[in-house]
Amino acid sequence: MGHLSTHVLDTMHGTPASGMQGALQRLGLDEAGRETVETVRTFRLNADGRPDGGPLLDAAAMAVGRWRLCFEVAHYFRARGVALPDPPFLDTVRLDFGIATAAGHYHVPLLVSPWSYATYRGS
């Protein structure tokens, strides 16, 4: 049974990104071929750097298609007392990815600092 999860680590401080805000969005195309964006869920990361309540998408909600995770990186680091330029180098990190099979397990971690980020399909 498939599901989607995420986990964010603050590489500047060496901790989970507790308190970071994020959103899960479904991407699509309208009849004219323009991109559409539907916000499916918003969340705040817990002390472990994960959204509360389990997976972002459970087996019943999993769907093949294009998806986006958005993470409010600049807001998080400013709240931690990090002095950032205006505008910040990274503000909102948007990770676009595809779900090819609704029965699959998709884990999308984010490793982030005010100056860089990395992601991958985790296990």
PDB file of N, CA and C in Angstrom:
ATOM      1  N   MET A   1       0.840  -1.180   0.000  1.00  0.00           N
ATOM      2  CA  MET A   1       0.000   0.000   0.000  1.00  0.00           C
ATOM      3  C   MET A   1       0.878   1.234   0.000  1.00  0.00           C
ATOM      4  N   GLY A   2       0.644   2.110  -0.943  1.00  0.00           N
ATOM      5  CA  GLY A   2       1.499   3.266  -1.123  1.00  0.00           C
ATOM      6  C   GLY A   2       1.236   4.384  -0.135  1.00  0.00           C
ATOM      7  N   HIS A   3       2.228   5.259  -0.007  1.00  0.00           N
ATOM      8  CA  HIS A   3       2.068   6.492   0.751  1.00  0.00           C
ATOM      9  C   HIS A   3       3.219   7.441   0.437  1.00  0.00           C
ATOM     10  N   LEU A   4       3.018   8.706   0.793  1.00  0.00           N
ATOM     11  CA  LEU A   4       4.007   9.762   0.591  1.00  0.00           C
ATOM     12  C   LEU A   4       4.372  10.351   1.941  1.00  0.00           C
ATOM     13  N   SER A   5       5.675  10.472   2.197  1.00  0.00           N
ATOM     14  CA  SER A   5       6.148  11.073   3.442  1.00  0.00           C
ATOM     15  C   SER A   5       7.310  12.010   3.141  1.00  0.00           C
ATOM     16  N   THR A   6       7.653  12.847   4.117  1.00  0.00           N
ATOM     17  CA  THR A   6       8.788  13.754   3.997  1.00  0.00           C
ATOM     18  C   THR A   6       9.453  13.899   5.359  1.00  0.00           C
ATOM     19  N   HIS A   7      10.676  14.417   5.332  1.00  0.00           N
ATOM     20  CA  HIS A   7      11.479  14.622   6.538  1.00  0.00           C
ATOM     21  C   HIS A   7      12.466  15.722   6.191  1.00  0.00           C
ATOM     22  N   VAL A   8      12.590  16.739   7.033  1.00  0.00           N
ATOM     23  CA  VAL A   8      13.483  17.866   6.733  1.00  0.00           C
ATOM     24  C   VAL A   8      14.530  18.000   7.826  1.00  0.00           C
ATOM     25  N   LEU A   9      15.790  18.061   7.396  1.00  0.00           N
ATOM     26  CA  LEU A   9      16.910  18.255   8.310  1.00  0.00           C
ATOM     27  C   LEU A   9      17.584  19.588   8.026  1.00  0.00           C
ATOM     28  N   ASP A  10      17.816  20.343   9.075  1.00  0.00           N
ATOM     29  CA  ASP A  10      18.496  21.637   9.042  1.00  0.00           C
ATOM     30  C   ASP A  10      19.996  21.338   9.125  1.00  0.00           C
ATOM     31  N   THR A  11      20.701  21.440   7.999  1.00  0.00           N
ATOM     32  CA  THR A  11      22.126  21.091   7.983  1.00  0.00           C
ATOM     33  C   THR A  11      23.000  22.193   8.581  1.00  0.00           C
ATOM     34  N   MET A  12      22.471  23.400   8.728  1.00  0.00           N
ATOM     35  CA  MET A  12      23.238  24.475   9.363  1.00  0.00           C
ATOM     36  C   MET A  12      23.403  24.205  10.862  1.00  0.00           C
ATOM     37  N   HIS A  13      22.327  23.747  11.494  1.00  0.00           N
ATOM     38  CA  HIS A  13      22.338  23.512  12.933  1.00  0.00           C
ATOM     39  C   HIS A  13      22.490  22.036  13.308  1.00  0.00           C
ATOM     40  N   GLY A  14      22.405  21.145  12.316  1.00  0.00           N
ATOM     41  CA  GLY A  14      22.531  19.724  12.583  1.00  0.00           C
ATOM     42  C   GLY A  14      21.340  19.152  13.343  1.00  0.00           C
ATOM     43  N   THR A  15      20.141  19.663  13.039  1.00  0.00           N
ATOM     44  CA  THR A  15      18.928  19.245  13.749  1.00  0.00           C
ATOM     45  C   THR A  15      17.782  19.040  12.762  1.00  0.00           C
ATOM     46  N   PRO A  16      16.714  18.358  13.205  1.00  0.00           N
ATOM     47  CA  PRO A  16      15.492  18.364  12.395  1.00  0.00           C
ATOM     48  C   PRO A  16      14.970  19.799  12.306  1.00  0.00           C
ATOM     49  N   ALA A  17      14.267  20.112  11.230  1.00  0.00           N
ATOM     50  CA  ALA A  17      13.767  21.477  10.981  1.00  0.00           C
ATOM     51  C   ALA A  17      12.417  21.683  11.662  1.00  0.00           C
ATOM     52  N   SER A  18      12.403  21.559  12.972  1.00  0.00           N
ATOM     53  CA  SER A  18      11.189  21.703  13.762  1.00  0.00           C
ATOM     54  C   SER A  18      10.575  23.086  13.580  1.00  0.00           C
ATOM     55  N   GLY A  19       9.274  23.109  13.276  1.00  0.00           N
ATOM     56  CA  GLY A  19       8.559  24.369  13.108  1.00  0.00           C
ATOM     57  C   GLY A  19       8.484  24.872  11.682  1.00  0.00           C
ATOM     58  N   MET A  20       9.268  24.301  10.772  1.00  0.00           N
ATOM     59  CA  MET A  20       9.202  24.753   9.375  1.00  0.00           C
ATOM     60  C   MET A  20       7.806  24.484   8.824  1.00  0.00           C
ATOM     61  N   GLN A  21       7.300  25.441   8.058  1.00  0.00           N
ATOM     62  CA  GLN A  21       5.990  25.302   7.435  1.00  0.00           C
ATOM     63  C   GLN A  21       6.153  24.805   6.012  1.00  0.00           C
ATOM     64  N   GLY A  22       5.160  24.052   5.566  1.00  0.00           N
ATOM     65  CA  GLY A  22       5.216  23.515   4.215  1.00  0.00           C
ATOM     66  C   GLY A  22       3.840  23.266   3.649  1.00  0.00           C
ATOM     67  N   ALA A  23       3.834  22.852   2.390  1.00  0.00           N
ATOM     68  CA  ALA A  23       2.586  22.534   1.706  1.00  0.00           C
ATOM     69  C   ALA A  23       2.836  21.438   0.688  1.00  0.00           C
ATOM     70  N   LEU A  24       1.826  20.619   0.484  1.00  0.00           N
ATOM     71  CA  LEU A  24       1.820  19.608  -0.569  1.00  0.00           C
ATOM     72  C   LEU A  24       0.838  20.071  -1.630  1.00  0.00           C
ATOM     73  N   GLN A  25       1.283  20.108  -2.873  1.00  0.00           N
ATOM     74  CA  GLN A  25       0.441  20.556  -3.976  1.00  0.00           C
ATOM     75  C   GLN A  25       0.392  19.519  -5.079  1.00  0.00           C
ATOM     76  N   ARG A  26      -0.761  19.426  -5.732  1.00  0.00           N
ATOM     77  CA  ARG A  26      -0.937  18.565  -6.906  1.00  0.00           C
ATOM     78  C   ARG A  26      -0.844  19.456  -8.133  1.00  0.00           C
ATOM     79  N   LEU A  27      -0.013  19.067  -9.093  1.00  0.00           N
ATOM     80  CA  LEU A  27       0.173  19.827 -10.323  1.00  0.00           C
ATOM     81  C   LEU A  27      -0.616  19.174 -11.445  1.00  0.00           C
ATOM     82  N   GLY A  28      -1.158  19.979 -12.312  1.00  0.00           N
ATOM     83  CA  GLY A  28      -1.907  19.452 -13.445  1.00  0.00           C
ATOM     84  C   GLY A  28      -1.882  20.442 -14.596  1.00  0.00           C
ATOM     85  N   LEU A  29      -2.704  20.167 -15.589  1.00  0.00           N
ATOM     86  CA  LEU A  29      -2.848  21.049 -16.741  1.00  0.00           C
ATOM     87  C   LEU A  29      -4.327  21.310 -16.966  1.00  0.00           C
ATOM     88  N   ASP A  30      -4.650  22.571 -17.290  1.00  0.00           N
ATOM     89  CA  ASP A  30      -6.033  22.865 -17.619  1.00  0.00           C
ATOM     90  C   ASP A  30      -6.273  22.569 -19.099  1.00  0.00           C
ATOM     91  N   GLU A  31      -7.461  22.855 -19.589  1.00  0.00           N
ATOM     92  CA  GLU A  31      -7.829  22.540 -20.970  1.00  0.00           C
ATOM     93  C   GLU A  31      -6.969  23.272 -21.997  1.00  0.00           C
ATOM     94  N   ALA A  32      -6.419  24.421 -21.609  1.00  0.00           N
ATOM     95  CA  ALA A  32      -5.556  25.191 -22.506  1.00  0.00           C
ATOM     96  C   ALA A  32      -4.087  24.796 -22.387  1.00  0.00           C
ATOM     97  N   GLY A  33      -3.798  23.812 -21.549  1.00  0.00           N
ATOM     98  CA  GLY A  33      -2.423  23.358 -21.385  1.00  0.00           C
ATOM     99  C   GLY A  33      -1.610  24.159 -20.387  1.00  0.00           C
ATOM    100  N   ARG A  34      -2.259  25.044 -19.626  1.00  0.00           N
ATOM    101  CA  ARG A  34      -1.557  25.823 -18.597  1.00  0.00           C
ATOM    102  C   ARG A  34      -1.494  25.022 -17.303  1.00  0.00           C
ATOM    103  N   GLU A  35      -0.401  25.200 -16.588  1.00  0.00           N
ATOM    104  CA  GLU A  35      -0.230  24.473 -15.332  1.00  0.00           C
ATOM    105  C   GLU A  35      -1.260  24.908 -14.298  1.00  0.00           C
ATOM    106  N   THR A  36      -1.806  23.941 -13.580  1.00  0.00           N
ATOM    107  CA  THR A  36      -2.686  24.220 -12.451  1.00  0.00           C
ATOM    108  C   THR A  36      -2.011  23.710 -11.190  1.00  0.00           C
ATOM    109  N   VAL A  37      -2.305  24.366 -10.085  1.00  0.00           N
ATOM    110  CA  VAL A  37      -1.727  23.988  -8.795  1.00  0.00           C
ATOM    111  C   VAL A  37      -2.856  23.944  -7.774  1.00  0.00           C
ATOM    112  N   GLU A  38      -3.010  22.791  -7.138  1.00  0.00           N
ATOM    113  CA  GLU A  38      -4.018  22.615  -6.094  1.00  0.00           C
ATOM    114  C   GLU A  38      -3.300  22.276  -4.795  1.00  0.00           C
ATOM    115  N   THR A  39      -3.480  23.099  -3.767  1.00  0.00           N
ATOM    116  CA  THR A  39      -2.895  22.795  -2.469  1.00  0.00           C
ATOM    117  C   THR A  39      -3.740  21.727  -1.797  1.00  0.00           C
ATOM    118  N   VAL A  40      -3.121  20.586  -1.543  1.00  0.00           N
ATOM    119  CA  VAL A  40      -3.797  19.430  -0.955  1.00  0.00           C
ATOM    120  C   VAL A  40      -3.718  19.470   0.565  1.00  0.00           C
ATOM    121  N   ARG A  41      -2.585  19.963   1.063  1.00  0.00           N
ATOM    122  CA  ARG A  41      -2.373  19.968   2.517  1.00  0.00           C
ATOM    123  C   ARG A  41      -1.292  20.970   2.877  1.00  0.00           C
ATOM    124  N   THR A  42      -1.473  21.666   3.978  1.00  0.00           N
ATOM    125  CA  THR A  42      -0.419  22.474   4.571  1.00  0.00           C
ATOM    126  C   THR A  42      -0.014  21.802   5.874  1.00  0.00           C
ATOM    127  N   PHE A  43       1.211  22.067   6.323  1.00  0.00           N
ATOM    128  CA  PHE A  43       1.699  21.402   7.530  1.00  0.00           C
ATOM    129  C   PHE A  43       2.800  22.220   8.177  1.00  0.00           C
ATOM    130  N   ARG A  44       3.063  21.890   9.440  1.00  0.00           N
ATOM    131  CA  ARG A  44       4.179  22.430  10.205  1.00  0.00           C
ATOM    132  C   ARG A  44       4.950  21.219  10.718  1.00  0.00           C
ATOM    133  N   LEU A  45       6.268  21.245  10.582  1.00  0.00           N
ATOM    134  CA  LEU A  45       7.078  20.097  10.975  1.00  0.00           C
ATOM    135  C   LEU A  45       7.219  20.002  12.493  1.00  0.00           C
ATOM    136  N   ASN A  46       7.158  18.785  12.994  1.00  0.00           N
ATOM    137  CA  ASN A  46       7.275  18.539  14.432  1.00  0.00           C
ATOM    138  C   ASN A  46       8.750  18.486  14.852  1.00  0.00           C
ATOM    139  N   ALA A  47       8.985  18.120  16.101  1.00  0.00           N
ATOM    140  CA  ALA A  47      10.352  18.095  16.657  1.00  0.00           C
ATOM    141  C   ALA A  47      11.269  17.125  15.926  1.00  0.00           C
ATOM    142  N   ASP A  48      10.705  16.158  15.224  1.00  0.00           N
ATOM    143  CA  ASP A  48      11.491  15.193  14.447  1.00  0.00           C
ATOM    144  C   ASP A  48      11.684  15.647  13.002  1.00  0.00           C
ATOM    145  N   GLY A  49      11.142  16.821  12.637  1.00  0.00           N
ATOM    146  CA  GLY A  49      11.259  17.325  11.271  1.00  0.00           C
ATOM    147  C   GLY A  49      10.292  16.673  10.297  1.00  0.00           C
ATOM    148  N   ARG A  50       9.189  16.121  10.827  1.00  0.00           N
ATOM    149  CA  ARG A  50       8.180  15.447  10.004  1.00  0.00           C
ATOM    150  C   ARG A  50       6.814  16.068  10.276  1.00  0.00           C
ATOM    151  N   PRO A  51       5.922  16.009   9.297  1.00  0.00           N
ATOM    152  CA  PRO A  51       4.553  16.487   9.561  1.00  0.00           C
ATOM    153  C   PRO A  51       3.849  15.554  10.554  1.00  0.00           C
ATOM    154  N   ASP A  52       3.047  16.134  11.440  1.00  0.00           N
ATOM    155  CA  ASP A  52       2.245  15.310  12.345  1.00  0.00           C
ATOM    156  C   ASP A  52       1.158  14.578  11.574  1.00  0.00           C
ATOM    157  N   GLY A  53       0.676  13.494  12.143  1.00  0.00           N
ATOM    158  CA  GLY A  53      -0.462  12.792  11.559  1.00  0.00           C
ATOM    159  C   GLY A  53      -0.107  11.725  10.550  1.00  0.00           C
ATOM    160  N   GLY A  54       1.136  11.328  10.483  1.00  0.00           N
ATOM    161  CA  GLY A  54       1.501  10.262   9.555  1.00  0.00           C
ATOM    162  C   GLY A  54       1.825  10.767   8.164  1.00  0.00           C
ATOM    163  N   PRO A  55       1.682   9.910   7.159  1.00  0.00           N
ATOM    164  CA  PRO A  55       2.064  10.271   5.797  1.00  0.00           C
ATOM    165  C   PRO A  55       1.298  11.485   5.257  1.00  0.00           C
ATOM    166  N   LEU A  56       1.916  12.206   4.345  1.00  0.00           N
ATOM    167  CA  LEU A  56       1.234  13.315   3.673  1.00  0.00           C
ATOM    168  C   LEU A  56       0.082  12.798   2.820  1.00  0.00           C
ATOM    169  N   LEU A  57       0.309  11.661   2.185  1.00  0.00           N
ATOM    170  CA  LEU A  57      -0.742  10.957   1.448  1.00  0.00           C
ATOM    171  C   LEU A  57      -0.747   9.519   1.923  1.00  0.00           C
ATOM    172  N   ASP A  58      -1.902   9.038   2.337  1.00  0.00           N
ATOM    173  CA  ASP A  58      -2.012   7.629   2.712  1.00  0.00           C
ATOM    174  C   ASP A  58      -2.412   6.822   1.478  1.00  0.00           C
ATOM    175  N   ALA A  59      -2.590   5.526   1.644  1.00  0.00           N
ATOM    176  CA  ALA A  59      -2.888   4.641   0.517  1.00  0.00           C
ATOM    177  C   ALA A  59      -4.140   5.073  -0.230  1.00  0.00           C
ATOM    178  N   ALA A  60      -5.149   5.548   0.492  1.00  0.00           N
ATOM    179  CA  ALA A  60      -6.402   5.952  -0.156  1.00  0.00           C
ATOM    180  C   ALA A  60      -6.246   7.233  -0.974  1.00  0.00           C
ATOM    181  N   ALA A  61      -5.328   8.110  -0.570  1.00  0.00           N
ATOM    182  CA  ALA A  61      -5.157   9.394  -1.249  1.00  0.00           C
ATOM    183  C   ALA A  61      -4.067   9.389  -2.322  1.00  0.00           C
ATOM    184  N   MET A  62      -3.237   8.353  -2.353  1.00  0.00           N
ATOM    185  CA  MET A  62      -2.147   8.299  -3.334  1.00  0.00           C
ATOM    186  C   MET A  62      -2.710   8.329  -4.746  1.00  0.00           C
ATOM    187  N   ALA A  63      -2.043   9.096  -5.610  1.00  0.00           N
ATOM    188  CA  ALA A  63      -2.484   9.198  -6.997  1.00  0.00           C
ATOM    189  C   ALA A  63      -1.282   9.429  -7.897  1.00  0.00           C
ATOM    190  N   VAL A  64      -1.292   8.773  -9.032  1.00  0.00           N
ATOM    191  CA  VAL A  64      -0.264   8.976 -10.045  1.00  0.00           C
ATOM    192  C   VAL A  64      -0.367  10.416 -10.537  1.00  0.00           C
ATOM    193  N   GLY A  65       0.772  11.049 -10.749  1.00  0.00           N
ATOM    194  CA  GLY A  65       0.762  12.406 -11.283  1.00  0.00           C
ATOM    195  C   GLY A  65       1.965  13.202 -10.838  1.00  0.00           C
ATOM    196  N   ARG A  66       1.879  14.494 -11.108  1.00  0.00           N
ATOM    197  CA  ARG A  66       2.943  15.438 -10.750  1.00  0.00           C
ATOM    198  C   ARG A  66       2.569  16.129  -9.450  1.00  0.00           C
ATOM    199  N   TRP A  67       3.541  16.232  -8.548  1.00  0.00           N
ATOM    200  CA  TRP A  67       3.324  16.784  -7.227  1.00  0.00           C
ATOM    201  C   TRP A  67       4.411  17.790  -6.889  1.00  0.00           C
ATOM    202  N   ARG A  68       4.150  18.629  -5.887  1.00  0.00           N
ATOM    203  CA  ARG A  68       5.138  19.615  -5.426  1.00  0.00           C
ATOM    204  C   ARG A  68       5.079  19.696  -3.903  1.00  0.00           C
ATOM    205  N   LEU A  69       6.242  19.678  -3.279  1.00  0.00           N
ATOM    206  CA  LEU A  69       6.376  20.001  -1.865  1.00  0.00           C
ATOM    207  C   LEU A  69       7.021  21.375  -1.769  1.00  0.00           C
ATOM    208  N   CYS A  70       6.436  22.268  -0.971  1.00  0.00           N
ATOM    209  CA  CYS A  70       6.966  23.616  -0.758  1.00  0.00           C
ATOM    210  C   CYS A  70       7.373  23.756   0.709  1.00  0.00           C
ATOM    211  N   PHE A  71       8.560  24.271   0.937  1.00  0.00           N
ATOM    212  CA  PHE A  71       9.074  24.447   2.290  1.00  0.00           C
ATOM    213  C   PHE A  71       9.485  25.906   2.487  1.00  0.00           C
ATOM    214  N   GLU A  72       8.998  26.534   3.560  1.00  0.00           N
ATOM    215  CA  GLU A  72       9.260  27.948   3.844  1.00  0.00           C
ATOM    216  C   GLU A  72      10.596  28.090   4.580  1.00  0.00           C
ATOM    217  N   VAL A  73      11.665  28.012   3.803  1.00  0.00           N
ATOM    218  CA  VAL A  73      13.028  27.939   4.335  1.00  0.00           C
ATOM    219  C   VAL A  73      13.469  29.257   4.981  1.00  0.00           C
ATOM    220  N   ALA A  74      13.299  30.383   4.303  1.00  0.00           N
ATOM    221  CA  ALA A  74      13.768  31.664   4.851  1.00  0.00           C
ATOM    222  C   ALA A  74      13.037  31.994   6.149  1.00  0.00           C
ATOM    223  N   HIS A  75      11.736  31.798   6.175  1.00  0.00           N
ATOM    224  CA  HIS A  75      10.959  32.073   7.386  1.00  0.00           C
ATOM    225  C   HIS A  75      11.480  31.224   8.554  1.00  0.00           C
ATOM    226  N   TYR A  76      11.750  29.960   8.283  1.00  0.00           N
ATOM    227  CA  TYR A  76      12.263  29.057   9.314  1.00  0.00           C
ATOM    228  C   TYR A  76      13.605  29.551   9.865  1.00  0.00           C
ATOM    229  N   PHE A  77      14.561  29.871   8.970  1.00  0.00           N
ATOM    230  CA  PHE A  77      15.887  30.276   9.449  1.00  0.00           C
ATOM    231  C   PHE A  77      15.838  31.630  10.155  1.00  0.00           C
ATOM    232  N   ARG A  78      15.023  32.551   9.675  1.00  0.00           N
ATOM    233  CA  ARG A  78      14.883  33.835  10.384  1.00  0.00           C
ATOM    234  C   ARG A  78      14.323  33.608  11.785  1.00  0.00           C
ATOM    235  N   ALA A  79      13.344  32.713  11.909  1.00  0.00           N
ATOM    236  CA  ALA A  79      12.766  32.413  13.221  1.00  0.00           C
ATOM    237  C   ALA A  79      13.805  31.797  14.157  1.00  0.00           C
ATOM    238  N   ARG A  80      14.826  31.160  13.586  1.00  0.00           N
ATOM    239  CA  ARG A  80      15.915  30.593  14.395  1.00  0.00           C
ATOM    240  C   ARG A  80      17.002  31.618  14.689  1.00  0.00           C
ATOM    241  N   GLY A  81      16.819  32.862  14.248  1.00  0.00           N
ATOM    242  CA  GLY A  81      17.772  33.927  14.538  1.00  0.00           C
ATOM    243  C   GLY A  81      18.894  34.072  13.539  1.00  0.00           C
ATOM    244  N   VAL A  82      18.780  33.415  12.391  1.00  0.00           N
ATOM    245  CA  VAL A  82      19.812  33.518  11.359  1.00  0.00           C
ATOM    246  C   VAL A  82      19.594  34.809  10.576  1.00  0.00           C
ATOM    247  N   ALA A  83      20.636  35.627  10.467  1.00  0.00           N
ATOM    248  CA  ALA A  83      20.560  36.866   9.690  1.00  0.00           C
ATOM    249  C   ALA A  83      20.656  36.513   8.207  1.00  0.00           C
ATOM    250  N   LEU A  84      19.605  36.828   7.468  1.00  0.00           N
ATOM    251  CA  LEU A  84      19.564  36.546   6.034  1.00  0.00           C
ATOM    252  C   LEU A  84      19.498  37.847   5.260  1.00  0.00           C
ATOM    253  N   PRO A  85      20.062  37.879   4.052  1.00  0.00           N
ATOM    254  CA  PRO A  85      19.937  39.081   3.227  1.00  0.00           C
ATOM    255  C   PRO A  85      18.483  39.250   2.766  1.00  0.00           C
ATOM    256  N   ASP A  86      18.185  40.424   2.221  1.00  0.00           N
ATOM    257  CA  ASP A  86      16.851  40.679   1.678  1.00  0.00           C
ATOM    258  C   ASP A  86      17.000  41.062   0.214  1.00  0.00           C
ATOM    259  N   PRO A  87      16.579  40.247  -0.697  1.00  0.00           N
ATOM    260  CA  PRO A  87      15.874  38.985  -0.491  1.00  0.00           C
ATOM    261  C   PRO A  87      16.850  37.865  -0.119  1.00  0.00           C
ATOM    262  N   PRO A  88      16.333  36.832   0.532  1.00  0.00           N
ATOM    263  CA  PRO A  88      17.199  35.714   0.909  1.00  0.00           C
ATOM    264  C   PRO A  88      17.617  34.910  -0.320  1.00  0.00           C
ATOM    265  N   PHE A  89      18.730  34.227  -0.216  1.00  0.00           N
ATOM    266  CA  PHE A  89      19.181  33.371  -1.315  1.00  0.00           C
ATOM    267  C   PHE A  89      18.153  32.277  -1.582  1.00  0.00           C
ATOM    268  N   LEU A  90      17.703  31.593  -0.537  1.00  0.00           N
ATOM    269  CA  LEU A  90      16.617  30.610  -0.645  1.00  0.00           C
ATOM    270  C   LEU A  90      15.450  31.139   0.174  1.00  0.00           C
ATOM    271  N   ASP A  91      14.290  31.218  -0.431  1.00  0.00           N
ATOM    272  CA  ASP A  91      13.090  31.651   0.267  1.00  0.00           C
ATOM    273  C   ASP A  91      12.180  30.442   0.463  1.00  0.00           C
ATOM    274  N   THR A  92      11.416  30.109  -0.543  1.00  0.00           N
ATOM    275  CA  THR A  92      10.600  28.901  -0.519  1.00  0.00           C
ATOM    276  C   THR A  92      11.246  27.878  -1.433  1.00  0.00           C
ATOM    277  N   VAL A  93      11.562  26.711  -0.896  1.00  0.00           N
ATOM    278  CA  VAL A  93      12.100  25.629  -1.721  1.00  0.00           C
ATOM    279  C   VAL A  93      10.927  24.815  -2.238  1.00  0.00           C
ATOM    280  N   ARG A  94      10.864  24.684  -3.565  1.00  0.00           N
ATOM    281  CA  ARG A  94       9.815  23.905  -4.215  1.00  0.00           C
ATOM    282  C   ARG A  94      10.440  22.670  -4.851  1.00  0.00           C
ATOM    283  N   LEU A  95       9.936  21.511  -4.436  1.00  0.00           N
ATOM    284  CA  LEU A  95      10.435  20.247  -4.971  1.00  0.00           C
ATOM    285  C   LEU A  95       9.334  19.629  -5.819  1.00  0.00           C
ATOM    286  N   ASP A  96       9.530  19.599  -7.127  1.00  0.00           N
ATOM    287  CA  ASP A  96       8.574  18.963  -8.033  1.00  0.00           C
ATOM    288  C   ASP A  96       9.015  17.529  -8.285  1.00  0.00           C
ATOM    289  N   PHE A  97       8.069  16.609  -8.190  1.00  0.00           N
ATOM    290  CA  PHE A  97       8.390  15.194  -8.374  1.00  0.00           C
ATOM    291  C   PHE A  97       7.166  14.482  -8.922  1.00  0.00           C
ATOM    292  N   GLY A  98       7.387  13.287  -9.425  1.00  0.00           N
ATOM    293  CA  GLY A  98       6.296  12.495  -9.972  1.00  0.00           C
ATOM    294  C   GLY A  98       6.050  11.237  -9.175  1.00  0.00           C
ATOM    295  N   ILE A  99       4.784  10.876  -9.081  1.00  0.00           N
ATOM    296  CA  ILE A  99       4.390   9.591  -8.518  1.00  0.00           C
ATOM    297  C   ILE A  99       3.941   8.738  -9.697  1.00  0.00           C
ATOM    298  N   ALA A 100       4.696   7.679  -9.986  1.00  0.00           N
ATOM    299  CA  ALA A 100       4.430   6.834 -11.148  1.00  0.00           C
ATOM    300  C   ALA A 100       3.520   5.655 -10.828  1.00  0.00           C
ATOM    301  N   THR A 101       3.489   5.270  -9.557  1.00  0.00           N
ATOM    302  CA  THR A 101       2.613   4.170  -9.153  1.00  0.00           C
ATOM    303  C   THR A 101       2.019   4.478  -7.793  1.00  0.00           C
ATOM    304  N   ALA A 102       0.700   4.453  -7.709  1.00  0.00           N
ATOM    305  CA  ALA A 102       0.022   4.787  -6.457  1.00  0.00           C
ATOM    306  C   ALA A 102       0.285   3.753  -5.367  1.00  0.00           C
ATOM    307  N   ALA A 103       0.763   2.584  -5.731  1.00  0.00           N
ATOM    308  CA  ALA A 103       1.054   1.549  -4.746  1.00  0.00           C
ATOM    309  C   ALA A 103       2.464   1.694  -4.161  1.00  0.00           C
ATOM    310  N   GLY A 104       3.244   2.640  -4.660  1.00  0.00           N
ATOM    311  CA  GLY A 104       4.625   2.794  -4.216  1.00  0.00           C
ATOM    312  C   GLY A 104       4.760   3.608  -2.947  1.00  0.00           C
ATOM    313  N   HIS A 105       5.904   3.427  -2.285  1.00  0.00           N
ATOM    314  CA  HIS A 105       6.264   4.243  -1.122  1.00  0.00           C
ATOM    315  C   HIS A 105       7.179   5.348  -1.628  1.00  0.00           C
ATOM    316  N   TYR A 106       6.772   6.584  -1.443  1.00  0.00           N
ATOM    317  CA  TYR A 106       7.557   7.737  -1.866  1.00  0.00           C
ATOM    318  C   TYR A 106       7.915   8.542  -0.623  1.00  0.00           C
ATOM    319  N   HIS A 107       9.216   8.604  -0.331  1.00  0.00           N
ATOM    320  CA  HIS A 107       9.716   9.407   0.779  1.00  0.00           C
ATOM    321  C   HIS A 107      10.597  10.482   0.166  1.00  0.00           C
ATOM    322  N   VAL A 108      10.287  11.760   0.442  1.00  0.00           N
ATOM    323  CA  VAL A 108      11.004  12.882  -0.165  1.00  0.00           C
ATOM    324  C   VAL A 108      11.649  13.710   0.947  1.00  0.00           C
ATOM    325  N   PRO A 109      12.885  13.376   1.340  1.00  0.00           N
ATOM    326  CA  PRO A 109      13.578  14.144   2.361  1.00  0.00           C
ATOM    327  C   PRO A 109      14.165  15.434   1.778  1.00  0.00           C
ATOM    328  N   LEU A 110      14.378  16.406   2.661  1.00  0.00           N
ATOM    329  CA  LEU A 110      15.036  17.656   2.287  1.00  0.00           C
ATOM    330  C   LEU A 110      16.126  17.927   3.314  1.00  0.00           C
ATOM    331  N   LEU A 111      17.336  18.154   2.822  1.00  0.00           N
ATOM    332  CA  LEU A 111      18.464  18.596   3.646  1.00  0.00           C
ATOM    333  C   LEU A 111      18.698  20.041   3.253  1.00  0.00           C
ATOM    334  N   VAL A 112      18.643  20.973   4.225  1.00  0.00           N
ATOM    335  CA  VAL A 112      18.619  22.385   3.839  1.00  0.00           C
ATOM    336  C   VAL A 112      19.405  23.273   4.799  1.00  0.00           C
ATOM    337  N   SER A 113      20.017  24.298   4.219  1.00  0.00           N
ATOM    338  CA  SER A 113      20.648  25.393   4.955  1.00  0.00           C
ATOM    339  C   SER A 113      20.147  26.680   4.290  1.00  0.00           C
ATOM    340  N   PRO A 114      20.534  27.847   4.778  1.00  0.00           N
ATOM    341  CA  PRO A 114      20.102  29.077   4.098  1.00  0.00           C
ATOM    342  C   PRO A 114      20.696  29.230   2.689  1.00  0.00           C
ATOM    343  N   TRP A 115      21.711  28.403   2.359  1.00  0.00           N
ATOM    344  CA  TRP A 115      22.445  28.592   1.110  1.00  0.00           C
ATOM    345  C   TRP A 115      22.396  27.406   0.167  1.00  0.00           C
ATOM    346  N   SER A 116      21.840  26.284   0.603  1.00  0.00           N
ATOM    347  CA  SER A 116      21.832  25.099  -0.265  1.00  0.00           C
ATOM    348  C   SER A 116      20.772  24.121   0.203  1.00  0.00           C
ATOM    349  N   TYR A 117      20.428  23.211  -0.712  1.00  0.00           N
ATOM    350  CA  TYR A 117      19.540  22.116  -0.337  1.00  0.00           C
ATOM    351  C   TYR A 117      19.794  20.921  -1.234  1.00  0.00           C
ATOM    352  N   ALA A 118      19.389  19.750  -0.736  1.00  0.00           N
ATOM    353  CA  ALA A 118      19.497  18.504  -1.489  1.00  0.00           C
ATOM    354  C   ALA A 118      18.278  17.664  -1.168  1.00  0.00           C
ATOM    355  N   THR A 119      17.873  16.882  -2.141  1.00  0.00           N
ATOM    356  CA  THR A 119      16.753  15.983  -1.947  1.00  0.00           C
ATOM    357  C   THR A 119      17.007  14.704  -2.743  1.00  0.00           C
ATOM    358  N   TYR A 120      16.227  13.692  -2.476  1.00  0.00           N
ATOM    359  CA  TYR A 120      16.352  12.418  -3.171  1.00  0.00           C
ATOM    360  C   TYR A 120      15.112  11.609  -2.862  1.00  0.00           C
ATOM    361  N   ARG A 121      14.925  10.508  -3.556  1.00  0.00           N
ATOM    362  CA  ARG A 121      13.833   9.603  -3.208  1.00  0.00           C
ATOM    363  C   ARG A 121      14.374   8.642  -2.166  1.00  0.00           C
ATOM    364  N   GLY A 122      13.882   8.773  -0.961  1.00  0.00           N
ATOM    365  CA  GLY A 122      14.345   7.955   0.148  1.00  0.00           C
ATOM    366  C   GLY A 122      13.562   6.665   0.266  1.00  0.00           C
ATOM    367  N   SER A 123      13.841   5.966   1.334  1.00  0.00           N
ATOM    368  CA  SER A 123      13.150   4.686   1.555  1.00  0.00           C
ATOM    369  C   SER A 123      12.276   4.768   2.794  1.00  0.00           C
TER     370      SER A 123
END
